[in-house]
Amino acid sequence: MDVKIESSWKDALAPEFEKPYFASLVRFLHAEKAAGKVIYPPGSLIFRAFDLTPVDQVKVVILGQDPYHNPGEAMGLSFSVPDGVRTPPSLRNIFQEIEADMGIRMSGRPNLEAWARQGVLLLNSILTVEGGLAASHRNIGWQEFTDAVIRYLNDHCNGIVFLLWGNFAKAKSALIDPSRHHVLTAAHPSPLAGGAFFGCRHFSRANQLLVEEGKTPINWQL
């Protein structure tokens, strides 16, 4: 199956694109669009995280669950929304933790592309959603695909820092070899977690680990 995705990822994930579940997933999305359903993000942005962060550039993975389901929000990067869109509550809490952890001032810009271009793979476990219906595409095959992404990074790379927030993301630690990579877990940044995310200091810790790996740290400031 010919999938429009960044070339290094296309090679890495080639076996997945030929599996029956992926063909079924594509058929489902086409059928939903033909039925007039609104799907987020737009088709050209479904693989945006991969397009901005090629395989050999991945240094950090931030795992989200599924895309935002309101108009104009989803852009193919976990936790990120386009400039000019109101910052979602979880992202506001992420920025608050960065300011406390790193001692820097964030601009409040909610577009995280600058992180992606530095090697932060902003990966949602589910890559599409029906407008207005959170987690509506959780059972169509995306999790099998993104689990394969995590397995590929685990098997073919070294020293990646995985930031797993909340129980859904933490469950993915089963796919990661801690002798090859670094896994940092915390509560979800959502306000529903009652502030338990604050104080995790994942951003300074990630940079410290990257430096120890001989890699350039991330400039988290936006």
C-alpha atoms as a PDB file:
ATOM      1  CA  MET A   1       0.000   0.000   0.000  1.00  0.00           C
ATOM      2  CA  ASP A   2       1.376   3.411  -0.958  1.00  0.00           C
ATOM      3  CA  VAL A   3       1.239   5.621   2.130  1.00  0.00           C
ATOM      4  CA  LYS A   4       2.366   9.254   2.085  1.00  0.00           C
ATOM      5  CA  ILE A   5       4.749   9.442   5.022  1.00  0.00           C
ATOM      6  CA  GLU A   6       8.337  10.613   5.541  1.00  0.00           C
ATOM      7  CA  SER A   7      10.723   8.265   3.702  1.00  0.00           C
ATOM      8  CA  SER A   8      12.658   6.840   6.668  1.00  0.00           C
ATOM      9  CA  TRP A   9       9.403   5.973   8.415  1.00  0.00           C
ATOM     10  CA  LYS A  10       8.000   4.552   5.189  1.00  0.00           C
ATOM     11  CA  ASP A  11      10.922   2.134   5.060  1.00  0.00           C
ATOM     12  CA  ALA A  12      10.799   1.361   8.784  1.00  0.00           C
ATOM     13  CA  LEU A  13       7.076   0.657   8.832  1.00  0.00           C
ATOM     14  CA  ALA A  14       6.756  -0.968   5.403  1.00  0.00           C
ATOM     15  CA  PRO A  15       5.658  -4.331   6.892  1.00  0.00           C
ATOM     16  CA  GLU A  16       2.780  -2.637   8.738  1.00  0.00           C
ATOM     17  CA  PHE A  17       1.417  -0.995   5.602  1.00  0.00           C
ATOM     18  CA  GLU A  18       1.003  -4.424   4.004  1.00  0.00           C
ATOM     19  CA  LYS A  19      -0.888  -6.023   6.884  1.00  0.00           C
ATOM     20  CA  PRO A  20      -4.652  -6.642   6.699  1.00  0.00           C
ATOM     21  CA  TYR A  21      -5.430  -4.424   9.707  1.00  0.00           C
ATOM     22  CA  PHE A  22      -3.915  -1.394   7.976  1.00  0.00           C
ATOM     23  CA  ALA A  23      -5.895  -1.957   4.786  1.00  0.00           C
ATOM     24  CA  SER A  24      -9.024  -2.298   6.936  1.00  0.00           C
ATOM     25  CA  LEU A  25      -8.162   0.945   8.740  1.00  0.00           C
ATOM     26  CA  VAL A  26      -7.808   2.825   5.445  1.00  0.00           C
ATOM     27  CA  ARG A  27     -11.087   1.400   4.158  1.00  0.00           C
ATOM     28  CA  PHE A  28     -12.836   2.503   7.344  1.00  0.00           C
ATOM     29  CA  LEU A  29     -11.557   6.079   7.045  1.00  0.00           C
ATOM     30  CA  HIS A  30     -12.571   6.300   3.385  1.00  0.00           C
ATOM     31  CA  ALA A  31     -16.034   4.965   4.185  1.00  0.00           C
ATOM     32  CA  GLU A  32     -16.516   7.401   7.057  1.00  0.00           C
ATOM     33  CA  LYS A  33     -15.544  10.351   4.866  1.00  0.00           C
ATOM     34  CA  ALA A  34     -17.819   9.118   2.083  1.00  0.00           C
ATOM     35  CA  ALA A  35     -20.645   8.998   4.616  1.00  0.00           C
ATOM     36  CA  GLY A  36     -20.071  12.663   5.422  1.00  0.00           C
ATOM     37  CA  LYS A  37     -18.328  12.164   8.758  1.00  0.00           C
ATOM     38  CA  VAL A  38     -15.846  14.856   9.821  1.00  0.00           C
ATOM     39  CA  ILE A  39     -12.453  13.308  10.614  1.00  0.00           C
ATOM     40  CA  TYR A  40      -9.613  15.062  12.437  1.00  0.00           C
ATOM     41  CA  PRO A  41      -6.872  15.850  11.706  1.00  0.00           C
ATOM     42  CA  PRO A  42      -7.093  16.536   7.959  1.00  0.00           C
ATOM     43  CA  GLY A  43      -5.660  13.704   5.876  1.00  0.00           C
ATOM     44  CA  SER A  44      -2.479  15.608   5.038  1.00  0.00           C
ATOM     45  CA  LEU A  45      -1.688  15.956   8.760  1.00  0.00           C
ATOM     46  CA  ILE A  46      -2.386  12.419   9.990  1.00  0.00           C
ATOM     47  CA  PHE A  47       1.321  11.520   9.771  1.00  0.00           C
ATOM     48  CA  ARG A  48       2.632  15.009  10.623  1.00  0.00           C
ATOM     49  CA  ALA A  49       4.575  13.769  13.675  1.00  0.00           C
ATOM     50  CA  PHE A  50       6.529  11.383  11.454  1.00  0.00           C
ATOM     51  CA  ASP A  51       7.101  13.982   8.740  1.00  0.00           C
ATOM     52  CA  LEU A  52       8.688  16.415  11.211  1.00  0.00           C
ATOM     53  CA  THR A  53      10.768  13.844  13.116  1.00  0.00           C
ATOM     54  CA  PRO A  54      12.503  11.237  10.914  1.00  0.00           C
ATOM     55  CA  VAL A  55      13.550   7.961  12.515  1.00  0.00           C
ATOM     56  CA  ASP A  56      17.219   8.824  12.974  1.00  0.00           C
ATOM     57  CA  GLN A  57      16.352  12.143  14.637  1.00  0.00           C
ATOM     58  CA  VAL A  58      14.105  10.780  17.406  1.00  0.00           C
ATOM     59  CA  LYS A  59      15.526  11.662  20.829  1.00  0.00           C
ATOM     60  CA  VAL A  60      12.374  11.979  22.951  1.00  0.00           C
ATOM     61  CA  VAL A  61       8.905  10.454  22.568  1.00  0.00           C
ATOM     62  CA  ILE A  62       5.881  12.140  24.179  1.00  0.00           C
ATOM     63  CA  LEU A  63       2.924   9.783  23.892  1.00  0.00           C
ATOM     64  CA  GLY A  64      -0.619  11.095  23.755  1.00  0.00           C
ATOM     65  CA  GLN A  65      -3.869   9.156  23.417  1.00  0.00           C
ATOM     66  CA  ASP A  66      -5.913  10.503  20.491  1.00  0.00           C
ATOM     67  CA  PRO A  67      -6.304  13.759  18.547  1.00  0.00           C
ATOM     68  CA  TYR A  68      -8.331  16.725  19.702  1.00  0.00           C
ATOM     69  CA  HIS A  69     -11.880  16.410  18.362  1.00  0.00           C
ATOM     70  CA  ASN A  70     -12.923  20.060  18.050  1.00  0.00           C
ATOM     71  CA  PRO A  71     -12.637  22.047  14.789  1.00  0.00           C
ATOM     72  CA  GLY A  72      -9.222  23.523  14.037  1.00  0.00           C
ATOM     73  CA  GLU A  73      -7.368  21.852  16.905  1.00  0.00           C
ATOM     74  CA  ALA A  74      -5.890  18.538  15.734  1.00  0.00           C
ATOM     75  CA  MET A  75      -2.651  18.931  13.771  1.00  0.00           C
ATOM     76  CA  GLY A  76      -1.093  15.463  13.929  1.00  0.00           C
ATOM     77  CA  LEU A  77       1.137  16.165  16.946  1.00  0.00           C
ATOM     78  CA  SER A  78       0.257  14.993  20.457  1.00  0.00           C
ATOM     79  CA  PHE A  79      -0.803  17.816  22.809  1.00  0.00           C
ATOM     80  CA  SER A  80      -0.184  20.481  20.110  1.00  0.00           C
ATOM     81  CA  VAL A  81      -2.688  22.842  18.481  1.00  0.00           C
ATOM     82  CA  PRO A  82      -2.055  25.447  15.759  1.00  0.00           C
ATOM     83  CA  ASP A  83      -1.068  29.016  16.560  1.00  0.00           C
ATOM     84  CA  GLY A  84      -4.106  31.161  17.259  1.00  0.00           C
ATOM     85  CA  VAL A  85      -6.059  28.291  18.824  1.00  0.00           C
ATOM     86  CA  ARG A  86      -6.821  28.429  22.537  1.00  0.00           C
ATOM     87  CA  THR A  87      -4.274  26.403  24.518  1.00  0.00           C
ATOM     88  CA  PRO A  88      -5.882  23.184  25.816  1.00  0.00           C
ATOM     89  CA  PRO A  89      -5.828  22.644  29.605  1.00  0.00           C
ATOM     90  CA  SER A  90      -3.325  19.760  29.515  1.00  0.00           C
ATOM     91  CA  LEU A  91      -0.901  21.816  27.441  1.00  0.00           C
ATOM     92  CA  ARG A  92      -1.255  24.761  29.810  1.00  0.00           C
ATOM     93  CA  ASN A  93      -0.198  22.452  32.642  1.00  0.00           C
ATOM     94  CA  ILE A  94       2.738  21.148  30.576  1.00  0.00           C
ATOM     95  CA  PHE A  95       3.917  24.734  30.055  1.00  0.00           C
ATOM     96  CA  GLN A  96       3.488  25.472  33.761  1.00  0.00           C
ATOM     97  CA  GLU A  97       5.663  22.468  34.656  1.00  0.00           C
ATOM     98  CA  ILE A  98       8.329  23.515  32.138  1.00  0.00           C
ATOM     99  CA  GLU A  99       8.477  26.997  33.651  1.00  0.00           C
ATOM    100  CA  ALA A 100       8.853  25.597  37.176  1.00  0.00           C
ATOM    101  CA  ASP A 101      11.270  22.865  36.143  1.00  0.00           C
ATOM    102  CA  MET A 102      13.519  24.790  33.756  1.00  0.00           C
ATOM    103  CA  GLY A 103      13.199  28.293  35.196  1.00  0.00           C
ATOM    104  CA  ILE A 104      12.177  29.701  31.820  1.00  0.00           C
ATOM    105  CA  ARG A 105       9.242  31.757  30.607  1.00  0.00           C
ATOM    106  CA  MET A 106       6.950  30.210  27.999  1.00  0.00           C
ATOM    107  CA  SER A 107       5.251  32.435  25.428  1.00  0.00           C
ATOM    108  CA  GLY A 108       2.033  30.434  25.585  1.00  0.00           C
ATOM    109  CA  ARG A 109       2.237  29.502  21.871  1.00  0.00           C
ATOM    110  CA  PRO A 110       0.457  26.147  21.642  1.00  0.00           C
ATOM    111  CA  ASN A 111       2.145  24.955  18.429  1.00  0.00           C
ATOM    112  CA  LEU A 112       4.800  22.370  19.347  1.00  0.00           C
ATOM    113  CA  GLU A 113       6.366  21.962  15.899  1.00  0.00           C
ATOM    114  CA  ALA A 114       9.617  23.472  17.214  1.00  0.00           C
ATOM    115  CA  TRP A 115       9.952  20.515  19.588  1.00  0.00           C
ATOM    116  CA  ALA A 116       9.245  18.037  16.790  1.00  0.00           C
ATOM    117  CA  ARG A 117      11.962  19.568  14.615  1.00  0.00           C
ATOM    118  CA  GLN A 118      14.468  19.022  17.461  1.00  0.00           C
ATOM    119  CA  GLY A 119      13.748  15.313  17.720  1.00  0.00           C
ATOM    120  CA  VAL A 120      10.672  15.106  19.967  1.00  0.00           C
ATOM    121  CA  LEU A 121       8.279  12.582  18.416  1.00  0.00           C
ATOM    122  CA  LEU A 122       4.841  13.864  19.438  1.00  0.00           C
ATOM    123  CA  LEU A 123       3.020  10.583  18.931  1.00  0.00           C
ATOM    124  CA  ASN A 124      -0.644   9.927  19.570  1.00  0.00           C
ATOM    125  CA  SER A 125      -1.484   6.256  20.032  1.00  0.00           C
ATOM    126  CA  ILE A 126      -4.618   6.800  17.930  1.00  0.00           C
ATOM    127  CA  LEU A 127      -4.064   9.009  14.877  1.00  0.00           C
ATOM    128  CA  THR A 128      -7.609  10.017  13.885  1.00  0.00           C
ATOM    129  CA  VAL A 129     -10.915  10.865  15.553  1.00  0.00           C
ATOM    130  CA  GLU A 130     -14.458  11.679  14.463  1.00  0.00           C
ATOM    131  CA  GLY A 131     -15.335  15.304  15.077  1.00  0.00           C
ATOM    132  CA  GLY A 132     -16.930  15.826  18.485  1.00  0.00           C
ATOM    133  CA  LEU A 133     -16.462  12.226  19.613  1.00  0.00           C
ATOM    134  CA  ALA A 134     -13.363  11.631  21.751  1.00  0.00           C
ATOM    135  CA  ALA A 135     -11.672   8.239  21.352  1.00  0.00           C
ATOM    136  CA  SER A 136     -14.127   7.289  18.589  1.00  0.00           C
ATOM    137  CA  HIS A 137     -11.377   5.629  16.515  1.00  0.00           C
ATOM    138  CA  ARG A 138      -9.734   3.714  19.343  1.00  0.00           C
ATOM    139  CA  ASN A 139     -10.664   0.303  17.929  1.00  0.00           C
ATOM    140  CA  ILE A 140      -9.970   0.672  14.200  1.00  0.00           C
ATOM    141  CA  GLY A 141      -6.319  -0.449  14.198  1.00  0.00           C
ATOM    142  CA  TRP A 142      -4.282   2.645  14.999  1.00  0.00           C
ATOM    143  CA  GLN A 143      -2.993   1.267  18.285  1.00  0.00           C
ATOM    144  CA  GLU A 144      -1.565  -1.771  16.514  1.00  0.00           C
ATOM    145  CA  PHE A 145       0.210   0.619  14.148  1.00  0.00           C
ATOM    146  CA  THR A 146       1.609   2.956  16.797  1.00  0.00           C
ATOM    147  CA  ASP A 147       2.651   0.044  19.005  1.00  0.00           C
ATOM    148  CA  ALA A 148       4.702  -1.084  15.988  1.00  0.00           C
ATOM    149  CA  VAL A 149       6.251   2.406  15.893  1.00  0.00           C
ATOM    150  CA  ILE A 150       7.316   2.101  19.526  1.00  0.00           C
ATOM    151  CA  ARG A 151       8.661  -1.411  18.961  1.00  0.00           C
ATOM    152  CA  TYR A 152      10.668  -0.245  15.962  1.00  0.00           C
ATOM    153  CA  LEU A 153      12.243   2.585  17.938  1.00  0.00           C
ATOM    154  CA  ASN A 154      12.942   0.205  20.818  1.00  0.00           C
ATOM    155  CA  ASP A 155      14.641  -2.353  18.575  1.00  0.00           C
ATOM    156  CA  HIS A 156      16.558  -0.103  16.169  1.00  0.00           C
ATOM    157  CA  CYS A 157      17.542   2.962  18.227  1.00  0.00           C
ATOM    158  CA  ASN A 158      19.317   3.605  21.511  1.00  0.00           C
ATOM    159  CA  GLY A 159      19.020   6.105  24.322  1.00  0.00           C
ATOM    160  CA  ILE A 160      15.575   7.500  23.506  1.00  0.00           C
ATOM    161  CA  VAL A 161      13.759   9.181  26.401  1.00  0.00           C
ATOM    162  CA  PHE A 162      10.106   8.097  26.562  1.00  0.00           C
ATOM    163  CA  LEU A 163       7.788  10.412  28.515  1.00  0.00           C
ATOM    164  CA  LEU A 164       4.702   8.423  29.500  1.00  0.00           C
ATOM    165  CA  TRP A 165       1.986  10.433  31.243  1.00  0.00           C
ATOM    166  CA  GLY A 166      -1.128   8.804  32.658  1.00  0.00           C
ATOM    167  CA  ASN A 167      -2.116   5.159  32.861  1.00  0.00           C
ATOM    168  CA  PHE A 168      -2.837   4.789  29.151  1.00  0.00           C
ATOM    169  CA  ALA A 169       0.679   5.908  28.198  1.00  0.00           C
ATOM    170  CA  LYS A 170       2.360   4.081  31.087  1.00  0.00           C
ATOM    171  CA  ALA A 171       0.990   0.789  29.764  1.00  0.00           C
ATOM    172  CA  LYS A 172       3.221   1.241  26.701  1.00  0.00           C
ATOM    173  CA  SER A 173       6.310   0.791  28.883  1.00  0.00           C
ATOM    174  CA  ALA A 174       5.834  -2.952  28.287  1.00  0.00           C
ATOM    175  CA  LEU A 175       7.058  -2.311  24.718  1.00  0.00           C
ATOM    176  CA  ILE A 176      10.281  -0.577  25.802  1.00  0.00           C
ATOM    177  CA  ASP A 177      13.567  -2.155  26.921  1.00  0.00           C
ATOM    178  CA  PRO A 178      14.798  -0.055  29.872  1.00  0.00           C
ATOM    179  CA  SER A 179      18.347  -1.322  29.353  1.00  0.00           C
ATOM    180  CA  ARG A 180      18.428   0.475  25.973  1.00  0.00           C
ATOM    181  CA  HIS A 181      16.183   3.451  26.601  1.00  0.00           C
ATOM    182  CA  HIS A 182      14.939   5.736  29.362  1.00  0.00           C
ATOM    183  CA  VAL A 183      11.332   5.638  30.555  1.00  0.00           C
ATOM    184  CA  LEU A 184       9.983   8.504  32.679  1.00  0.00           C
ATOM    185  CA  THR A 185       6.417   8.157  33.957  1.00  0.00           C
ATOM    186  CA  ALA A 186       4.089  10.647  35.618  1.00  0.00           C
ATOM    187  CA  ALA A 187       0.433  11.428  36.102  1.00  0.00           C
ATOM    188  CA  HIS A 188      -1.366  12.870  33.089  1.00  0.00           C
ATOM    189  CA  PRO A 189      -1.098  16.665  32.746  1.00  0.00           C
ATOM    190  CA  SER A 190      -4.883  16.941  32.495  1.00  0.00           C
ATOM    191  CA  PRO A 191      -6.515  19.022  35.246  1.00  0.00           C
ATOM    192  CA  LEU A 192      -8.560  15.874  35.956  1.00  0.00           C
ATOM    193  CA  ALA A 193      -5.405  14.410  37.549  1.00  0.00           C
ATOM    194  CA  GLY A 194      -5.659  17.025  40.290  1.00  0.00           C
ATOM    195  CA  GLY A 195      -2.203  18.504  39.766  1.00  0.00           C
ATOM    196  CA  ALA A 196      -0.366  15.210  40.243  1.00  0.00           C
ATOM    197  CA  PHE A 197       1.669  15.940  37.102  1.00  0.00           C
ATOM    198  CA  PHE A 198       3.348  18.944  38.704  1.00  0.00           C
ATOM    199  CA  GLY A 199       6.821  18.366  40.079  1.00  0.00           C
ATOM    200  CA  CYS A 200       7.694  15.480  37.753  1.00  0.00           C
ATOM    201  CA  ARG A 201      10.569  17.561  36.317  1.00  0.00           C
ATOM    202  CA  HIS A 202      10.552  15.435  33.171  1.00  0.00           C
ATOM    203  CA  PHE A 203      11.912  18.201  30.961  1.00  0.00           C
ATOM    204  CA  SER A 204      15.142  18.815  32.859  1.00  0.00           C
ATOM    205  CA  ARG A 205      15.506  15.075  33.494  1.00  0.00           C
ATOM    206  CA  ALA A 206      15.071  14.304  29.795  1.00  0.00           C
ATOM    207  CA  ASN A 207      17.745  16.846  28.897  1.00  0.00           C
ATOM    208  CA  GLN A 208      20.118  15.458  31.510  1.00  0.00           C
ATOM    209  CA  LEU A 209      19.660  11.964  30.071  1.00  0.00           C
ATOM    210  CA  LEU A 210      20.213  13.221  26.521  1.00  0.00           C
ATOM    211  CA  VAL A 211      23.456  14.911  27.547  1.00  0.00           C
ATOM    212  CA  GLU A 212      24.592  11.686  29.234  1.00  0.00           C
ATOM    213  CA  GLU A 213      23.846   9.911  25.928  1.00  0.00           C
ATOM    214  CA  GLY A 214      26.028  12.434  24.090  1.00  0.00           C
ATOM    215  CA  LYS A 215      22.999  14.049  22.423  1.00  0.00           C
ATOM    216  CA  THR A 216      21.976  17.693  22.156  1.00  0.00           C
ATOM    217  CA  PRO A 217      19.367  18.605  24.770  1.00  0.00           C
ATOM    218  CA  ILE A 218      15.947  19.943  23.765  1.00  0.00           C
ATOM    219  CA  ASN A 219      15.237  23.668  23.891  1.00  0.00           C
ATOM    220  CA  TRP A 220      11.772  23.443  25.471  1.00  0.00           C
ATOM    221  CA  GLN A 221      11.183  27.187  25.387  1.00  0.00           C
ATOM    222  CA  LEU A 222       8.554  28.334  22.890  1.00  0.00           C
END
